[in-house]
Amino acid sequence: MTHLLQLEVPDHLYQSLHKMATHTEQTTEAVAVECLMNILAQPDPLEEFIGAFPGTVSDWAEEHDKYLGLAQMKNLPVKRELN
């Protein structure tokens, strides 16, 4: 079974897909499907660690950028003003 899926992609992405399609003598759509299949076939390298460590942060998935930024800020040198 197949399904029709319409995607609106940026020009640079379409041009890359079209170039690959021309080079391999396939349709642009066939190259796009092949790329999606290759990406989805790759396992998530961090999946085995999901839930492996105890933690107290319940909103990590939504706020990971904030937590990573806070962790990086702890490593910055403190700038002290002289009076």
PDB file of N, CA and C in Angstrom:
ATOM      1  N   MET A   1       0.844  -1.171   0.000  1.00  0.00           N
ATOM      2  CA  MET A   1       0.000   0.000   0.000  1.00  0.00           C
ATOM      3  C   MET A   1       0.895   1.241   0.000  1.00  0.00           C
ATOM      4  N   THR A   2       0.517   2.221  -0.759  1.00  0.00           N
ATOM      5  CA  THR A   2       1.246   3.492  -0.779  1.00  0.00           C
ATOM      6  C   THR A   2       0.270   4.617  -0.482  1.00  0.00           C
ATOM      7  N   HIS A   3       0.830   5.754  -0.098  1.00  0.00           N
ATOM      8  CA  HIS A   3       0.038   6.946   0.200  1.00  0.00           C
ATOM      9  C   HIS A   3       0.662   8.129  -0.509  1.00  0.00           C
ATOM     10  N   LEU A   4      -0.160   9.038  -0.936  1.00  0.00           N
ATOM     11  CA  LEU A   4       0.313  10.264  -1.554  1.00  0.00           C
ATOM     12  C   LEU A   4       0.629  11.264  -0.457  1.00  0.00           C
ATOM     13  N   LEU A   5       1.822  11.837  -0.506  1.00  0.00           N
ATOM     14  CA  LEU A   5       2.250  12.813   0.487  1.00  0.00           C
ATOM     15  C   LEU A   5       2.834  14.004  -0.252  1.00  0.00           C
ATOM     16  N   GLN A   6       2.224  15.157  -0.076  1.00  0.00           N
ATOM     17  CA  GLN A   6       2.747  16.360  -0.704  1.00  0.00           C
ATOM     18  C   GLN A   6       3.565  17.127   0.318  1.00  0.00           C
ATOM     19  N   LEU A   7       4.771  17.514  -0.075  1.00  0.00           N
ATOM     20  CA  LEU A   7       5.648  18.269   0.805  1.00  0.00           C
ATOM     21  C   LEU A   7       6.052  19.579   0.141  1.00  0.00           C
ATOM     22  N   GLU A   8       6.072  20.624   0.903  1.00  0.00           N
ATOM     23  CA  GLU A   8       6.597  21.898   0.413  1.00  0.00           C
ATOM     24  C   GLU A   8       7.999  22.032   0.991  1.00  0.00           C
ATOM     25  N   VAL A   9       8.989  22.052   0.116  1.00  0.00           N
ATOM     26  CA  VAL A   9      10.381  22.078   0.567  1.00  0.00           C
ATOM     27  C   VAL A   9      11.058  23.344   0.066  1.00  0.00           C
ATOM     28  N   PRO A  10      12.067  23.821   0.792  1.00  0.00           N
ATOM     29  CA  PRO A  10      12.810  24.998   0.335  1.00  0.00           C
ATOM     30  C   PRO A  10      13.506  24.721  -1.002  1.00  0.00           C
ATOM     31  N   ASP A  11      13.746  25.774  -1.740  1.00  0.00           N
ATOM     32  CA  ASP A  11      14.341  25.655  -3.065  1.00  0.00           C
ATOM     33  C   ASP A  11      15.679  24.917  -3.033  1.00  0.00           C
ATOM     34  N   HIS A  12      16.524  25.226  -2.056  1.00  0.00           N
ATOM     35  CA  HIS A  12      17.851  24.587  -2.015  1.00  0.00           C
ATOM     36  C   HIS A  12      17.741  23.070  -1.799  1.00  0.00           C
ATOM     37  N   LEU A  13      16.752  22.649  -1.030  1.00  0.00           N
ATOM     38  CA  LEU A  13      16.551  21.221  -0.808  1.00  0.00           C
ATOM     39  C   LEU A  13      16.036  20.546  -2.079  1.00  0.00           C
ATOM     40  N   TYR A  14      15.083  21.197  -2.734  1.00  0.00           N
ATOM     41  CA  TYR A  14      14.564  20.644  -3.985  1.00  0.00           C
ATOM     42  C   TYR A  14      15.673  20.534  -5.026  1.00  0.00           C
ATOM     43  N   GLN A  15      16.503  21.562  -5.122  1.00  0.00           N
ATOM     44  CA  GLN A  15      17.590  21.538  -6.110  1.00  0.00           C
ATOM     45  C   GLN A  15      18.545  20.380  -5.834  1.00  0.00           C
ATOM     46  N   SER A  16      18.850  20.122  -4.568  1.00  0.00           N
ATOM     47  CA  SER A  16      19.726  18.996  -4.210  1.00  0.00           C
ATOM     48  C   SER A  16      19.080  17.666  -4.584  1.00  0.00           C
ATOM     49  N   LEU A  17      17.801  17.521  -4.279  1.00  0.00           N
ATOM     50  CA  LEU A  17      17.094  16.284  -4.636  1.00  0.00           C
ATOM     51  C   LEU A  17      17.037  16.105  -6.152  1.00  0.00           C
ATOM     52  N   HIS A  18      16.754  17.195  -6.857  1.00  0.00           N
ATOM     53  CA  HIS A  18      16.658  17.133  -8.310  1.00  0.00           C
ATOM     54  C   HIS A  18      18.017  16.777  -8.933  1.00  0.00           C
ATOM     55  N   LYS A  19      19.084  17.332  -8.384  1.00  0.00           N
ATOM     56  CA  LYS A  19      20.436  17.033  -8.880  1.00  0.00           C
ATOM     57  C   LYS A  19      20.758  15.549  -8.687  1.00  0.00           C
ATOM     58  N   MET A  20      20.428  15.009  -7.502  1.00  0.00           N
ATOM     59  CA  MET A  20      20.647  13.587  -7.245  1.00  0.00           C
ATOM     60  C   MET A  20      19.814  12.734  -8.194  1.00  0.00           C
ATOM     61  N   ALA A  21      18.579  13.167  -8.436  1.00  0.00           N
ATOM     62  CA  ALA A  21      17.686  12.415  -9.310  1.00  0.00           C
ATOM     63  C   ALA A  21      18.234  12.379 -10.737  1.00  0.00           C
ATOM     64  N   THR A  22      18.718  13.504 -11.204  1.00  0.00           N
ATOM     65  CA  THR A  22      19.289  13.566 -12.549  1.00  0.00           C
ATOM     66  C   THR A  22      20.518  12.680 -12.644  1.00  0.00           C
ATOM     67  N   HIS A  23      21.354  12.740 -11.620  1.00  0.00           N
ATOM     68  CA  HIS A  23      22.589  11.958 -11.608  1.00  0.00           C
ATOM     69  C   HIS A  23      22.313  10.448 -11.591  1.00  0.00           C
ATOM     70  N   THR A  24      21.273  10.038 -10.888  1.00  0.00           N
ATOM     71  CA  THR A  24      20.958   8.606 -10.757  1.00  0.00           C
ATOM     72  C   THR A  24      19.863   8.144 -11.714  1.00  0.00           C
ATOM     73  N   GLU A  25      19.408   9.062 -12.571  1.00  0.00           N
ATOM     74  CA  GLU A  25      18.358   8.757 -13.546  1.00  0.00           C
ATOM     75  C   GLU A  25      17.079   8.242 -12.883  1.00  0.00           C
ATOM     76  N   GLN A  26      16.711   8.901 -11.791  1.00  0.00           N
ATOM     77  CA  GLN A  26      15.464   8.601 -11.087  1.00  0.00           C
ATOM     78  C   GLN A  26      14.624   9.866 -11.062  1.00  0.00           C
ATOM     79  N   THR A  27      13.385   9.715 -10.606  1.00  0.00           N
ATOM     80  CA  THR A  27      12.564  10.908 -10.423  1.00  0.00           C
ATOM     81  C   THR A  27      12.968  11.583  -9.109  1.00  0.00           C
ATOM     82  N   THR A  28      12.667  12.867  -9.033  1.00  0.00           N
ATOM     83  CA  THR A  28      12.948  13.606  -7.797  1.00  0.00           C
ATOM     84  C   THR A  28      12.181  12.996  -6.631  1.00  0.00           C
ATOM     85  N   GLU A  29      10.954  12.577  -6.891  1.00  0.00           N
ATOM     86  CA  GLU A  29      10.126  11.970  -5.850  1.00  0.00           C
ATOM     87  C   GLU A  29      10.733  10.669  -5.341  1.00  0.00           C
ATOM     88  N   ALA A  30      11.276   9.851  -6.265  1.00  0.00           N
ATOM     89  CA  ALA A  30      11.889   8.579  -5.866  1.00  0.00           C
ATOM     90  C   ALA A  30      13.119   8.817  -4.994  1.00  0.00           C
ATOM     91  N   VAL A  31      13.899   9.828  -5.322  1.00  0.00           N
ATOM     92  CA  VAL A  31      15.081  10.151  -4.513  1.00  0.00           C
ATOM     93  C   VAL A  31      14.656  10.637  -3.130  1.00  0.00           C
ATOM     94  N   ALA A  32      13.612  11.461  -3.068  1.00  0.00           N
ATOM     95  CA  ALA A  32      13.122  11.959  -1.777  1.00  0.00           C
ATOM     96  C   ALA A  32      12.648  10.801  -0.900  1.00  0.00           C
ATOM     97  N   VAL A  33      11.906   9.854  -1.483  1.00  0.00           N
ATOM     98  CA  VAL A  33      11.424   8.687  -0.732  1.00  0.00           C
ATOM     99  C   VAL A  33      12.610   7.858  -0.248  1.00  0.00           C
ATOM    100  N   GLU A  34      13.608   7.668  -1.105  1.00  0.00           N
ATOM    101  CA  GLU A  34      14.789   6.897  -0.710  1.00  0.00           C
ATOM    102  C   GLU A  34      15.524   7.568   0.448  1.00  0.00           C
ATOM    103  N   CYS A  35      15.645   8.889   0.394  1.00  0.00           N
ATOM    104  CA  CYS A  35      16.297   9.620   1.485  1.00  0.00           C
ATOM    105  C   CYS A  35      15.526   9.459   2.795  1.00  0.00           C
ATOM    106  N   LEU A  36      14.201   9.577   2.729  1.00  0.00           N
ATOM    107  CA  LEU A  36      13.383   9.399   3.933  1.00  0.00           C
ATOM    108  C   LEU A  36      13.522   7.989   4.496  1.00  0.00           C
ATOM    109  N   MET A  37      13.521   7.006   3.617  1.00  0.00           N
ATOM    110  CA  MET A  37      13.655   5.617   4.067  1.00  0.00           C
ATOM    111  C   MET A  37      15.013   5.390   4.736  1.00  0.00           C
ATOM    112  N   ASN A  38      16.070   5.970   4.191  1.00  0.00           N
ATOM    113  CA  ASN A  38      17.405   5.827   4.779  1.00  0.00           C
ATOM    114  C   ASN A  38      17.483   6.472   6.156  1.00  0.00           C
ATOM    115  N   ILE A  39      16.874   7.630   6.298  1.00  0.00           N
ATOM    116  CA  ILE A  39      16.897   8.324   7.589  1.00  0.00           C
ATOM    117  C   ILE A  39      16.110   7.536   8.633  1.00  0.00           C
ATOM    118  N   LEU A  40      14.933   7.060   8.253  1.00  0.00           N
ATOM    119  CA  LEU A  40      14.088   6.332   9.203  1.00  0.00           C
ATOM    120  C   LEU A  40      14.653   4.966   9.559  1.00  0.00           C
ATOM    121  N   ALA A  41      15.487   4.411   8.702  1.00  0.00           N
ATOM    122  CA  ALA A  41      16.079   3.090   8.965  1.00  0.00           C
ATOM    123  C   ALA A  41      17.232   3.169   9.967  1.00  0.00           C
ATOM    124  N   GLN A  42      17.775   4.366  10.168  1.00  0.00           N
ATOM    125  CA  GLN A  42      18.900   4.512  11.104  1.00  0.00           C
ATOM    126  C   GLN A  42      18.362   4.538  12.530  1.00  0.00           C
ATOM    127  N   PRO A  43      18.917   3.702  13.383  1.00  0.00           N
ATOM    128  CA  PRO A  43      18.457   3.721  14.776  1.00  0.00           C
ATOM    129  C   PRO A  43      18.942   4.983  15.495  1.00  0.00           C
ATOM    130  N   ASP A  44      18.189   5.407  16.463  1.00  0.00           N
ATOM    131  CA  ASP A  44      18.589   6.552  17.285  1.00  0.00           C
ATOM    132  C   ASP A  44      19.728   6.095  18.184  1.00  0.00           C
ATOM    133  N   PRO A  45      20.911   6.709  18.076  1.00  0.00           N
ATOM    134  CA  PRO A  45      22.052   6.235  18.867  1.00  0.00           C
ATOM    135  C   PRO A  45      21.874   6.418  20.376  1.00  0.00           C
ATOM    136  N   LEU A  46      20.964   7.279  20.778  1.00  0.00           N
ATOM    137  CA  LEU A  46      20.755   7.517  22.211  1.00  0.00           C
ATOM    138  C   LEU A  46      19.554   6.771  22.780  1.00  0.00           C
ATOM    139  N   GLU A  47      18.844   6.053  21.927  1.00  0.00           N
ATOM    140  CA  GLU A  47      17.616   5.389  22.373  1.00  0.00           C
ATOM    141  C   GLU A  47      17.851   4.416  23.521  1.00  0.00           C
ATOM    142  N   GLU A  48      18.983   3.721  23.509  1.00  0.00           N
ATOM    143  CA  GLU A  48      19.249   2.748  24.567  1.00  0.00           C
ATOM    144  C   GLU A  48      19.412   3.401  25.937  1.00  0.00           C
ATOM    145  N   PHE A  49      19.650   4.714  25.964  1.00  0.00           N
ATOM    146  CA  PHE A  49      19.853   5.412  27.227  1.00  0.00           C
ATOM    147  C   PHE A  49      18.575   6.049  27.779  1.00  0.00           C
ATOM    148  N   ILE A  50      17.503   6.038  26.987  1.00  0.00           N
ATOM    149  CA  ILE A  50      16.253   6.644  27.438  1.00  0.00           C
ATOM    150  C   ILE A  50      15.746   5.898  28.670  1.00  0.00           C
ATOM    151  N   GLY A  51      15.599   6.636  29.756  1.00  0.00           N
ATOM    152  CA  GLY A  51      15.114   6.059  31.000  1.00  0.00           C
ATOM    153  C   GLY A  51      16.159   5.267  31.772  1.00  0.00           C
ATOM    154  N   ALA A  52      17.416   5.288  31.317  1.00  0.00           N
ATOM    155  CA  ALA A  52      18.455   4.490  31.962  1.00  0.00           C
ATOM    156  C   ALA A  52      19.016   5.153  33.220  1.00  0.00           C
ATOM    157  N   PHE A  53      18.820   6.455  33.349  1.00  0.00           N
ATOM    158  CA  PHE A  53      19.402   7.174  34.483  1.00  0.00           C
ATOM    159  C   PHE A  53      18.304   7.855  35.286  1.00  0.00           C
ATOM    160  N   PRO A  54      18.412   7.776  36.595  1.00  0.00           N
ATOM    161  CA  PRO A  54      17.419   8.467  37.417  1.00  0.00           C
ATOM    162  C   PRO A  54      17.623   9.973  37.337  1.00  0.00           C
ATOM    163  N   GLY A  55      16.558  10.708  37.464  1.00  0.00           N
ATOM    164  CA  GLY A  55      16.672  12.162  37.425  1.00  0.00           C
ATOM    165  C   GLY A  55      15.489  12.818  38.093  1.00  0.00           C
ATOM    166  N   THR A  56      15.639  14.091  38.370  1.00  0.00           N
ATOM    167  CA  THR A  56      14.570  14.838  39.025  1.00  0.00           C
ATOM    168  C   THR A  56      13.925  15.837  38.080  1.00  0.00           C
ATOM    169  N   VAL A  57      14.433  15.947  36.869  1.00  0.00           N
ATOM    170  CA  VAL A  57      13.910  16.912  35.910  1.00  0.00           C
ATOM    171  C   VAL A  57      12.827  16.236  35.076  1.00  0.00           C
ATOM    172  N   SER A  58      11.608  16.734  35.179  1.00  0.00           N
ATOM    173  CA  SER A  58      10.507  16.098  34.453  1.00  0.00           C
ATOM    174  C   SER A  58      10.218  16.739  33.102  1.00  0.00           C
ATOM    175  N   ASP A  59      10.785  17.937  32.865  1.00  0.00           N
ATOM    176  CA  ASP A  59      10.494  18.632  31.612  1.00  0.00           C
ATOM    177  C   ASP A  59      11.716  18.720  30.692  1.00  0.00           C
ATOM    178  N   TRP A  60      12.603  17.750  30.806  1.00  0.00           N
ATOM    179  CA  TRP A  60      13.833  17.759  30.005  1.00  0.00           C
ATOM    180  C   TRP A  60      13.537  17.803  28.506  1.00  0.00           C
ATOM    181  N   ALA A  61      12.575  17.058  28.049  1.00  0.00           N
ATOM    182  CA  ALA A  61      12.273  16.997  26.612  1.00  0.00           C
ATOM    183  C   ALA A  61      11.868  18.364  26.073  1.00  0.00           C
ATOM    184  N   GLU A  62      11.103  19.121  26.840  1.00  0.00           N
ATOM    185  CA  GLU A  62      10.640  20.433  26.384  1.00  0.00           C
ATOM    186  C   GLU A  62      11.652  21.533  26.643  1.00  0.00           C
ATOM    187  N   GLU A  63      12.447  21.405  27.682  1.00  0.00           N
ATOM    188  CA  GLU A  63      13.331  22.490  28.124  1.00  0.00           C
ATOM    189  C   GLU A  63      14.816  22.154  28.026  1.00  0.00           C
ATOM    190  N   HIS A  64      15.202  21.204  27.173  1.00  0.00           N
ATOM    191  CA  HIS A  64      16.595  20.772  27.137  1.00  0.00           C
ATOM    192  C   HIS A  64      17.546  21.906  26.790  1.00  0.00           C
ATOM    193  N   ASP A  65      17.155  22.830  25.908  1.00  0.00           N
ATOM    194  CA  ASP A  65      18.036  23.947  25.569  1.00  0.00           C
ATOM    195  C   ASP A  65      18.347  24.797  26.802  1.00  0.00           C
ATOM    196  N   LYS A  66      17.316  25.028  27.612  1.00  0.00           N
ATOM    197  CA  LYS A  66      17.500  25.830  28.829  1.00  0.00           C
ATOM    198  C   LYS A  66      18.482  25.139  29.777  1.00  0.00           C
ATOM    199  N   TYR A  67      18.301  23.842  29.990  1.00  0.00           N
ATOM    200  CA  TYR A  67      19.167  23.114  30.914  1.00  0.00           C
ATOM    201  C   TYR A  67      20.600  23.010  30.399  1.00  0.00           C
ATOM    202  N   LEU A  68      20.753  22.807  29.105  1.00  0.00           N
ATOM    203  CA  LEU A  68      22.107  22.762  28.541  1.00  0.00           C
ATOM    204  C   LEU A  68      22.788  24.123  28.676  1.00  0.00           C
ATOM    205  N   GLY A  69      22.027  25.194  28.444  1.00  0.00           N
ATOM    206  CA  GLY A  69      22.578  26.544  28.593  1.00  0.00           C
ATOM    207  C   GLY A  69      22.997  26.829  30.028  1.00  0.00           C
ATOM    208  N   LEU A  70      22.175  26.437  30.982  1.00  0.00           N
ATOM    209  CA  LEU A  70      22.514  26.632  32.397  1.00  0.00           C
ATOM    210  C   LEU A  70      23.776  25.852  32.768  1.00  0.00           C
ATOM    211  N   ALA A  71      23.908  24.651  32.256  1.00  0.00           N
ATOM    212  CA  ALA A  71      25.096  23.844  32.541  1.00  0.00           C
ATOM    213  C   ALA A  71      26.338  24.504  31.954  1.00  0.00           C
ATOM    214  N   GLN A  72      26.217  25.059  30.746  1.00  0.00           N
ATOM    215  CA  GLN A  72      27.367  25.727  30.127  1.00  0.00           C
ATOM    216  C   GLN A  72      27.737  26.999  30.883  1.00  0.00           C
ATOM    217  N   MET A  73      26.735  27.710  31.380  1.00  0.00           N
ATOM    218  CA  MET A  73      27.004  28.945  32.122  1.00  0.00           C
ATOM    219  C   MET A  73      27.808  28.667  33.385  1.00  0.00           C
ATOM    220  N   LYS A  74      27.628  27.500  33.986  1.00  0.00           N
ATOM    221  CA  LYS A  74      28.380  27.154  35.188  1.00  0.00           C
ATOM    222  C   LYS A  74      29.876  27.036  34.897  1.00  0.00           C
ATOM    223  N   ASN A  75      30.236  26.758  33.640  1.00  0.00           N
ATOM    224  CA  ASN A  75      31.637  26.591  33.269  1.00  0.00           C
ATOM    225  C   ASN A  75      32.301  27.881  32.803  1.00  0.00           C
ATOM    226  N   LEU A  76      31.527  28.962  32.687  1.00  0.00           N
ATOM    227  CA  LEU A  76      32.104  30.234  32.246  1.00  0.00           C
ATOM    228  C   LEU A  76      32.842  30.901  33.398  1.00  0.00           C
ATOM    229  N   PRO A  77      33.948  31.584  33.087  1.00  0.00           N
ATOM    230  CA  PRO A  77      34.651  32.297  34.157  1.00  0.00           C
ATOM    231  C   PRO A  77      33.791  33.453  34.669  1.00  0.00           C
ATOM    232  N   VAL A  78      33.865  33.697  35.957  1.00  0.00           N
ATOM    233  CA  VAL A  78      33.090  34.767  36.572  1.00  0.00           C
ATOM    234  C   VAL A  78      33.833  36.072  36.354  1.00  0.00           C
ATOM    235  N   LYS A  79      33.126  37.077  35.872  1.00  0.00           N
ATOM    236  CA  LYS A  79      33.723  38.392  35.649  1.00  0.00           C
ATOM    237  C   LYS A  79      33.409  39.247  36.865  1.00  0.00           C
ATOM    238  N   ARG A  80      34.440  39.668  37.553  1.00  0.00           N
ATOM    239  CA  ARG A  80      34.261  40.452  38.764  1.00  0.00           C
ATOM    240  C   ARG A  80      34.681  41.893  38.508  1.00  0.00           C
ATOM    241  N   GLU A  81      33.864  42.803  38.998  1.00  0.00           N
ATOM    242  CA  GLU A  81      34.173  44.235  38.849  1.00  0.00           C
ATOM    243  C   GLU A  81      35.010  44.687  40.025  1.00  0.00           C
ATOM    244  N   LEU A  82      36.002  45.524  39.737  1.00  0.00           N
ATOM    245  CA  LEU A  82      36.848  46.066  40.792  1.00  0.00           C
ATOM    246  C   LEU A  82      36.254  47.368  41.277  1.00  0.00           C
ATOM    247  N   ASN A  83      36.200  47.581  42.587  1.00  0.00           N
ATOM    248  CA  ASN A  83      35.675  48.816  43.160  1.00  0.00           C
ATOM    249  C   ASN A  83      36.790  49.748  43.512  1.00  0.00           C
TER     250      ASN A  83
END
